Amino acid sequence: MREENVQYFTETEEEIIRLLIATGMQKTVAKVLVFVARKPGITSRAIERGADLRQPEVSTAMKYLRSQEWITSHEDQPGKKGRPAIVYGLAKPFMEIMGDIEEEMRTSARDRLDLFRKMRKFVKKEF
């Protein structure tokens, strides 16, 4: 039987995940982002185990993180046998990613307020 070391989230990491979810981020994306931030150079399988996610959930989260350009990946073939493992890391520091999230939230809030202002114009005219 082989032995494997499994990583788990600390209370601080769990709180960061909860806060990211409160910003509107999907739970799986938040978990994967925090996991990769704390353990750069980690494989998808390790993320699945440590974040308690299934492979499709990790793949979907990675697709989103790549689209935001927050994650990098490369193939690692240690023994040259079998399928190479894909190793993940952050493309930029976590604080910059938080800045991206903050800016996205500001833009979204401004857009919603603009819609509300437009609606007020129509309501004044019609009601």
N, C-alpha and C. Protein backbone atom coordinates (compact mmCIF):
# COMPACT_ATOMS: atom_id res chain seq x y z
N MET A 1 0.85 -1.17 0.00
CA MET A 1 0.00 0.00 0.00
C MET A 1 0.90 1.24 0.00
N ARG A 2 0.57 2.21 -0.86
CA ARG A 2 1.39 3.40 -0.89
C ARG A 2 0.80 4.47 0.02
N GLU A 3 1.67 5.27 0.56
CA GLU A 3 1.26 6.32 1.46
C GLU A 3 1.35 7.66 0.74
N GLU A 4 0.39 8.55 0.99
CA GLU A 4 0.38 9.83 0.32
C GLU A 4 0.07 10.93 1.32
N ASN A 5 0.72 12.05 1.14
CA ASN A 5 0.51 13.19 2.00
C ASN A 5 -0.58 14.07 1.39
N VAL A 6 -1.67 14.28 2.10
CA VAL A 6 -2.78 15.09 1.59
C VAL A 6 -2.80 16.42 2.34
N GLN A 7 -2.89 17.52 1.58
CA GLN A 7 -2.95 18.87 2.16
C GLN A 7 -4.41 19.23 2.41
N TYR A 8 -4.66 19.98 3.49
CA TYR A 8 -6.01 20.46 3.79
C TYR A 8 -5.96 21.95 4.09
N PHE A 9 -7.10 22.62 4.01
CA PHE A 9 -7.17 24.04 4.27
C PHE A 9 -7.06 24.34 5.76
N THR A 10 -6.37 25.44 6.08
CA THR A 10 -6.33 25.94 7.45
C THR A 10 -7.58 26.78 7.69
N GLU A 11 -7.80 27.20 8.94
CA GLU A 11 -8.96 28.04 9.24
C GLU A 11 -8.87 29.37 8.49
N THR A 12 -7.68 29.93 8.39
CA THR A 12 -7.48 31.18 7.66
C THR A 12 -7.83 31.01 6.19
N GLU A 13 -7.37 29.94 5.59
CA GLU A 13 -7.66 29.66 4.18
C GLU A 13 -9.16 29.46 3.98
N GLU A 14 -9.81 28.77 4.91
CA GLU A 14 -11.27 28.57 4.84
C GLU A 14 -11.98 29.92 4.88
N GLU A 15 -11.50 30.83 5.71
CA GLU A 15 -12.11 32.16 5.81
C GLU A 15 -11.92 32.94 4.50
N ILE A 16 -10.74 32.85 3.90
CA ILE A 16 -10.49 33.51 2.62
C ILE A 16 -11.44 32.95 1.56
N ILE A 17 -11.64 31.64 1.57
CA ILE A 17 -12.56 31.02 0.62
C ILE A 17 -13.98 31.55 0.83
N ARG A 18 -14.41 31.63 2.09
CA ARG A 18 -15.76 32.15 2.39
C ARG A 18 -15.91 33.59 1.89
N LEU A 19 -14.86 34.39 2.08
CA LEU A 19 -14.92 35.79 1.63
C LEU A 19 -14.96 35.88 0.11
N LEU A 20 -14.19 35.05 -0.57
CA LEU A 20 -14.23 35.04 -2.04
C LEU A 20 -15.60 34.64 -2.54
N ILE A 21 -16.21 33.66 -1.90
CA ILE A 21 -17.56 33.22 -2.27
C ILE A 21 -18.55 34.37 -2.05
N ALA A 22 -18.37 35.12 -0.95
CA ALA A 22 -19.25 36.25 -0.66
C ALA A 22 -19.14 37.34 -1.73
N THR A 23 -18.01 37.41 -2.43
CA THR A 23 -17.86 38.39 -3.51
C THR A 23 -18.58 37.96 -4.77
N GLY A 24 -19.05 36.71 -4.79
CA GLY A 24 -19.76 36.20 -5.95
C GLY A 24 -18.99 35.13 -6.71
N MET A 25 -17.80 34.81 -6.25
CA MET A 25 -17.01 33.77 -6.91
C MET A 25 -17.61 32.40 -6.60
N GLN A 26 -17.56 31.50 -7.59
CA GLN A 26 -18.05 30.14 -7.36
C GLN A 26 -17.19 29.45 -6.31
N LYS A 27 -17.82 28.60 -5.53
CA LYS A 27 -17.13 27.91 -4.44
C LYS A 27 -15.94 27.09 -4.94
N THR A 28 -16.13 26.37 -6.03
CA THR A 28 -15.04 25.53 -6.54
C THR A 28 -13.87 26.38 -7.01
N VAL A 29 -14.16 27.50 -7.66
CA VAL A 29 -13.11 28.39 -8.15
C VAL A 29 -12.34 28.97 -6.96
N ALA A 30 -13.06 29.39 -5.93
CA ALA A 30 -12.42 29.96 -4.74
C ALA A 30 -11.50 28.93 -4.09
N LYS A 31 -11.98 27.70 -3.95
CA LYS A 31 -11.17 26.65 -3.33
C LYS A 31 -9.90 26.37 -4.13
N VAL A 32 -10.04 26.25 -5.44
CA VAL A 32 -8.88 25.96 -6.28
C VAL A 32 -7.90 27.12 -6.25
N LEU A 33 -8.39 28.34 -6.33
CA LEU A 33 -7.52 29.52 -6.32
C LEU A 33 -6.71 29.58 -5.02
N VAL A 34 -7.35 29.40 -3.90
CA VAL A 34 -6.65 29.45 -2.61
C VAL A 34 -5.67 28.29 -2.49
N PHE A 35 -6.06 27.12 -2.94
CA PHE A 35 -5.19 25.95 -2.86
C PHE A 35 -3.91 26.17 -3.67
N VAL A 36 -4.06 26.65 -4.90
CA VAL A 36 -2.90 26.88 -5.76
C VAL A 36 -2.05 28.03 -5.21
N ALA A 37 -2.70 29.03 -4.62
CA ALA A 37 -1.95 30.15 -4.05
C ALA A 37 -1.06 29.70 -2.90
N ARG A 38 -1.55 28.77 -2.11
CA ARG A 38 -0.79 28.29 -0.95
C ARG A 38 0.20 27.19 -1.30
N LYS A 39 -0.06 26.45 -2.36
CA LYS A 39 0.80 25.34 -2.75
C LYS A 39 1.15 25.41 -4.23
N PRO A 40 2.03 26.35 -4.61
CA PRO A 40 2.38 26.42 -6.04
C PRO A 40 3.09 25.15 -6.48
N GLY A 41 2.97 24.83 -7.74
CA GLY A 41 3.59 23.61 -8.26
C GLY A 41 2.84 22.37 -7.83
N ILE A 42 1.51 22.44 -7.87
CA ILE A 42 0.68 21.33 -7.40
C ILE A 42 -0.08 20.73 -8.57
N THR A 43 -0.36 19.45 -8.49
CA THR A 43 -1.07 18.76 -9.57
C THR A 43 -2.58 18.82 -9.35
N SER A 44 -3.30 18.54 -10.41
CA SER A 44 -4.75 18.52 -10.36
C SER A 44 -5.24 17.48 -9.35
N ARG A 45 -4.60 16.35 -9.32
CA ARG A 45 -5.00 15.28 -8.39
C ARG A 45 -4.85 15.71 -6.94
N ALA A 46 -3.76 16.42 -6.64
CA ALA A 46 -3.56 16.91 -5.28
C ALA A 46 -4.62 17.95 -4.91
N ILE A 47 -5.00 18.77 -5.88
CA ILE A 47 -6.05 19.76 -5.65
C ILE A 47 -7.38 19.05 -5.37
N GLU A 48 -7.67 18.02 -6.15
CA GLU A 48 -8.91 17.25 -5.95
C GLU A 48 -8.99 16.73 -4.52
N ARG A 49 -7.91 16.14 -4.07
CA ARG A 49 -7.90 15.54 -2.73
C ARG A 49 -7.94 16.60 -1.63
N GLY A 50 -7.07 17.60 -1.74
CA GLY A 50 -6.97 18.60 -0.68
C GLY A 50 -8.15 19.53 -0.60
N ALA A 51 -8.74 19.86 -1.74
CA ALA A 51 -9.90 20.77 -1.75
C ALA A 51 -11.21 20.03 -1.70
N ASP A 52 -11.15 18.71 -1.67
CA ASP A 52 -12.34 17.86 -1.62
C ASP A 52 -13.28 18.16 -2.80
N LEU A 53 -12.69 18.13 -4.02
CA LEU A 53 -13.45 18.36 -5.24
C LEU A 53 -13.27 17.18 -6.18
N ARG A 54 -14.21 17.04 -7.11
CA ARG A 54 -14.09 16.00 -8.14
C ARG A 54 -13.32 16.56 -9.33
N GLN A 55 -12.82 15.69 -10.17
CA GLN A 55 -12.01 16.09 -11.31
C GLN A 55 -12.73 17.08 -12.23
N PRO A 56 -14.01 16.86 -12.57
CA PRO A 56 -14.69 17.83 -13.43
C PRO A 56 -14.79 19.22 -12.79
N GLU A 57 -14.96 19.27 -11.48
CA GLU A 57 -15.04 20.55 -10.78
C GLU A 57 -13.71 21.29 -10.85
N VAL A 58 -12.62 20.56 -10.66
CA VAL A 58 -11.29 21.17 -10.75
C VAL A 58 -11.04 21.66 -12.17
N SER A 59 -11.40 20.86 -13.16
CA SER A 59 -11.21 21.25 -14.57
C SER A 59 -11.99 22.51 -14.91
N THR A 60 -13.23 22.59 -14.47
CA THR A 60 -14.07 23.76 -14.72
C THR A 60 -13.49 24.99 -14.05
N ALA A 61 -13.05 24.84 -12.81
CA ALA A 61 -12.45 25.96 -12.07
C ALA A 61 -11.17 26.41 -12.77
N MET A 62 -10.35 25.47 -13.22
CA MET A 62 -9.10 25.81 -13.91
C MET A 62 -9.38 26.55 -15.21
N LYS A 63 -10.43 26.15 -15.91
CA LYS A 63 -10.79 26.82 -17.16
C LYS A 63 -11.11 28.30 -16.89
N TYR A 64 -11.87 28.55 -15.82
CA TYR A 64 -12.19 29.93 -15.47
C TYR A 64 -10.94 30.70 -15.05
N LEU A 65 -10.10 30.09 -14.22
CA LEU A 65 -8.90 30.75 -13.74
C LEU A 65 -7.94 31.06 -14.88
N ARG A 66 -7.86 30.16 -15.85
CA ARG A 66 -7.03 30.42 -17.04
C ARG A 66 -7.59 31.56 -17.86
N SER A 67 -8.92 31.62 -17.99
CA SER A 67 -9.55 32.69 -18.78
C SER A 67 -9.28 34.06 -18.15
N GLN A 68 -9.12 34.10 -16.85
CA GLN A 68 -8.81 35.34 -16.14
C GLN A 68 -7.30 35.62 -16.13
N GLU A 69 -6.53 34.67 -16.64
CA GLU A 69 -5.06 34.74 -16.68
C GLU A 69 -4.46 34.82 -15.27
N TRP A 70 -5.04 34.06 -14.36
CA TRP A 70 -4.56 34.01 -12.98
C TRP A 70 -3.72 32.77 -12.70
N ILE A 71 -3.74 31.81 -13.61
CA ILE A 71 -3.10 30.52 -13.37
C ILE A 71 -2.19 30.16 -14.53
N THR A 72 -1.11 29.48 -14.22
CA THR A 72 -0.22 28.95 -15.25
C THR A 72 -0.13 27.44 -15.06
N SER A 73 0.26 26.76 -16.11
CA SER A 73 0.42 25.31 -16.00
C SER A 73 1.53 24.85 -16.94
N HIS A 74 2.14 23.73 -16.56
CA HIS A 74 3.12 23.09 -17.42
C HIS A 74 3.10 21.59 -17.13
N GLU A 75 3.56 20.82 -18.11
CA GLU A 75 3.59 19.37 -17.94
C GLU A 75 4.87 18.97 -17.22
N ASP A 76 4.74 17.97 -16.37
CA ASP A 76 5.87 17.44 -15.62
C ASP A 76 5.85 15.92 -15.76
N GLN A 77 6.89 15.37 -16.32
CA GLN A 77 6.95 13.92 -16.52
C GLN A 77 8.15 13.39 -15.74
N PRO A 78 7.90 13.04 -14.47
CA PRO A 78 9.02 12.65 -13.61
C PRO A 78 9.73 11.37 -14.04
N GLY A 79 9.01 10.30 -14.29
CA GLY A 79 9.64 9.02 -14.59
C GLY A 79 9.61 8.66 -16.07
N LYS A 80 9.10 9.55 -16.89
CA LYS A 80 8.98 9.34 -18.33
C LYS A 80 8.10 8.14 -18.69
N LYS A 81 7.32 7.68 -17.75
CA LYS A 81 6.36 6.60 -18.02
C LYS A 81 4.97 7.13 -17.73
N GLY A 82 4.04 6.72 -18.55
CA GLY A 82 2.66 7.13 -18.33
C GLY A 82 2.39 8.55 -18.76
N ARG A 83 1.24 9.01 -18.40
CA ARG A 83 0.80 10.34 -18.78
C ARG A 83 1.49 11.40 -17.92
N PRO A 84 1.97 12.49 -18.54
CA PRO A 84 2.62 13.53 -17.73
C PRO A 84 1.61 14.26 -16.86
N ALA A 85 2.05 14.63 -15.68
CA ALA A 85 1.20 15.38 -14.76
C ALA A 85 1.23 16.86 -15.14
N ILE A 86 0.12 17.54 -14.98
CA ILE A 86 0.07 18.98 -15.21
C ILE A 86 0.23 19.66 -13.86
N VAL A 87 1.19 20.56 -13.79
CA VAL A 87 1.51 21.26 -12.55
C VAL A 87 1.02 22.70 -12.67
N TYR A 88 0.33 23.17 -11.64
CA TYR A 88 -0.29 24.49 -11.66
C TYR A 88 0.39 25.45 -10.68
N GLY A 89 0.32 26.73 -11.02
CA GLY A 89 0.82 27.79 -10.16
C GLY A 89 0.10 29.08 -10.51
N LEU A 90 0.29 30.10 -9.69
CA LEU A 90 -0.34 31.39 -9.96
C LEU A 90 0.46 32.14 -11.01
N ALA A 91 -0.23 32.84 -11.90
CA ALA A 91 0.42 33.63 -12.94
C ALA A 91 0.86 34.99 -12.40
N LYS A 92 0.23 35.43 -11.32
CA LYS A 92 0.60 36.69 -10.68
C LYS A 92 0.35 36.56 -9.19
N PRO A 93 0.91 37.45 -8.39
CA PRO A 93 0.71 37.36 -6.94
C PRO A 93 -0.77 37.43 -6.55
N PHE A 94 -1.09 36.78 -5.45
CA PHE A 94 -2.47 36.72 -4.98
C PHE A 94 -3.05 38.10 -4.74
N MET A 95 -2.24 39.04 -4.25
CA MET A 95 -2.72 40.40 -4.01
C MET A 95 -3.15 41.07 -5.31
N GLU A 96 -2.46 40.81 -6.40
CA GLU A 96 -2.87 41.36 -7.70
C GLU A 96 -4.18 40.73 -8.17
N ILE A 97 -4.33 39.45 -7.91
CA ILE A 97 -5.59 38.77 -8.26
C ILE A 97 -6.74 39.39 -7.47
N MET A 98 -6.50 39.68 -6.18
CA MET A 98 -7.52 40.34 -5.37
C MET A 98 -7.87 41.70 -5.96
N GLY A 99 -6.87 42.41 -6.47
CA GLY A 99 -7.10 43.70 -7.12
C GLY A 99 -7.97 43.54 -8.35
N ASP A 100 -7.72 42.48 -9.13
CA ASP A 100 -8.54 42.19 -10.30
C ASP A 100 -9.99 41.94 -9.90
N ILE A 101 -10.18 41.17 -8.84
CA ILE A 101 -11.52 40.85 -8.36
C ILE A 101 -12.21 42.14 -7.89
N GLU A 102 -11.49 42.97 -7.16
CA GLU A 102 -12.04 44.23 -6.68
C GLU A 102 -12.47 45.13 -7.84
N GLU A 103 -11.62 45.23 -8.84
CA GLU A 103 -11.95 46.08 -10.00
C GLU A 103 -13.18 45.54 -10.74
N GLU A 104 -13.26 44.21 -10.86
CA GLU A 104 -14.42 43.60 -11.50
C GLU A 104 -15.70 43.92 -10.72
N MET A 105 -15.61 43.88 -9.39
CA MET A 105 -16.77 44.20 -8.55
C MET A 105 -17.16 45.66 -8.70
N ARG A 106 -16.18 46.56 -8.76
CA ARG A 106 -16.48 47.99 -8.94
C ARG A 106 -17.18 48.23 -10.27
N THR A 107 -16.65 47.62 -11.32
CA THR A 107 -17.24 47.77 -12.66
C THR A 107 -18.67 47.25 -12.68
N SER A 108 -18.87 46.09 -12.08
CA SER A 108 -20.20 45.49 -12.03
C SER A 108 -21.17 46.39 -11.26
N ALA A 109 -20.73 46.94 -10.14
CA ALA A 109 -21.59 47.81 -9.34
C ALA A 109 -21.93 49.08 -10.11
N ARG A 110 -20.94 49.66 -10.80
CA ARG A 110 -21.20 50.85 -11.61
C ARG A 110 -22.21 50.57 -12.71
N ASP A 111 -22.04 49.43 -13.37
CA ASP A 111 -22.97 49.05 -14.44
C ASP A 111 -24.39 48.90 -13.91
N ARG A 112 -24.55 48.28 -12.76
CA ARG A 112 -25.88 48.10 -12.19
C ARG A 112 -26.49 49.43 -11.78
N LEU A 113 -25.65 50.33 -11.22
CA LEU A 113 -26.16 51.66 -10.84
C LEU A 113 -26.58 52.44 -12.08
N ASP A 114 -25.82 52.33 -13.17
CA ASP A 114 -26.20 52.99 -14.42
C ASP A 114 -27.55 52.50 -14.91
N LEU A 115 -27.78 51.19 -14.82
CA LEU A 115 -29.07 50.63 -15.24
C LEU A 115 -30.20 51.19 -14.38
N PHE A 116 -29.93 51.31 -13.09
CA PHE A 116 -30.94 51.83 -12.18
C PHE A 116 -31.26 53.29 -12.51
N ARG A 117 -30.23 54.08 -12.84
CA ARG A 117 -30.46 55.48 -13.23
C ARG A 117 -31.31 55.56 -14.50
N LYS A 118 -31.04 54.71 -15.46
CA LYS A 118 -31.84 54.67 -16.69
C LYS A 118 -33.28 54.32 -16.38
N MET A 119 -33.46 53.36 -15.48
CA MET A 119 -34.79 52.95 -15.11
C MET A 119 -35.55 54.11 -14.46
N ARG A 120 -34.88 54.90 -13.64
CA ARG A 120 -35.51 56.05 -12.99
C ARG A 120 -36.05 57.03 -14.03
N LYS A 121 -35.30 57.25 -15.10
CA LYS A 121 -35.73 58.16 -16.16
C LYS A 121 -37.05 57.69 -16.77
N PHE A 122 -37.15 56.41 -17.03
CA PHE A 122 -38.36 55.85 -17.62
C PHE A 122 -39.53 55.91 -16.63
N VAL A 123 -39.24 55.64 -15.38
CA VAL A 123 -40.30 55.65 -14.37
C VAL A 123 -40.85 57.06 -14.21
N LYS A 124 -40.00 58.07 -14.22
CA LYS A 124 -40.45 59.46 -14.11
C LYS A 124 -41.38 59.83 -15.25
N LYS A 125 -41.08 59.35 -16.43
CA LYS A 125 -41.88 59.68 -17.61
C LYS A 125 -43.21 58.92 -17.65
N GLU A 126 -43.19 57.69 -17.26
CA GLU A 126 -44.35 56.82 -17.44
C GLU A 126 -45.25 56.72 -16.22
N PHE A 127 -44.73 56.91 -15.03
CA PHE A 127 -45.55 56.66 -13.84
C PHE A 127 -45.83 57.94 -13.11
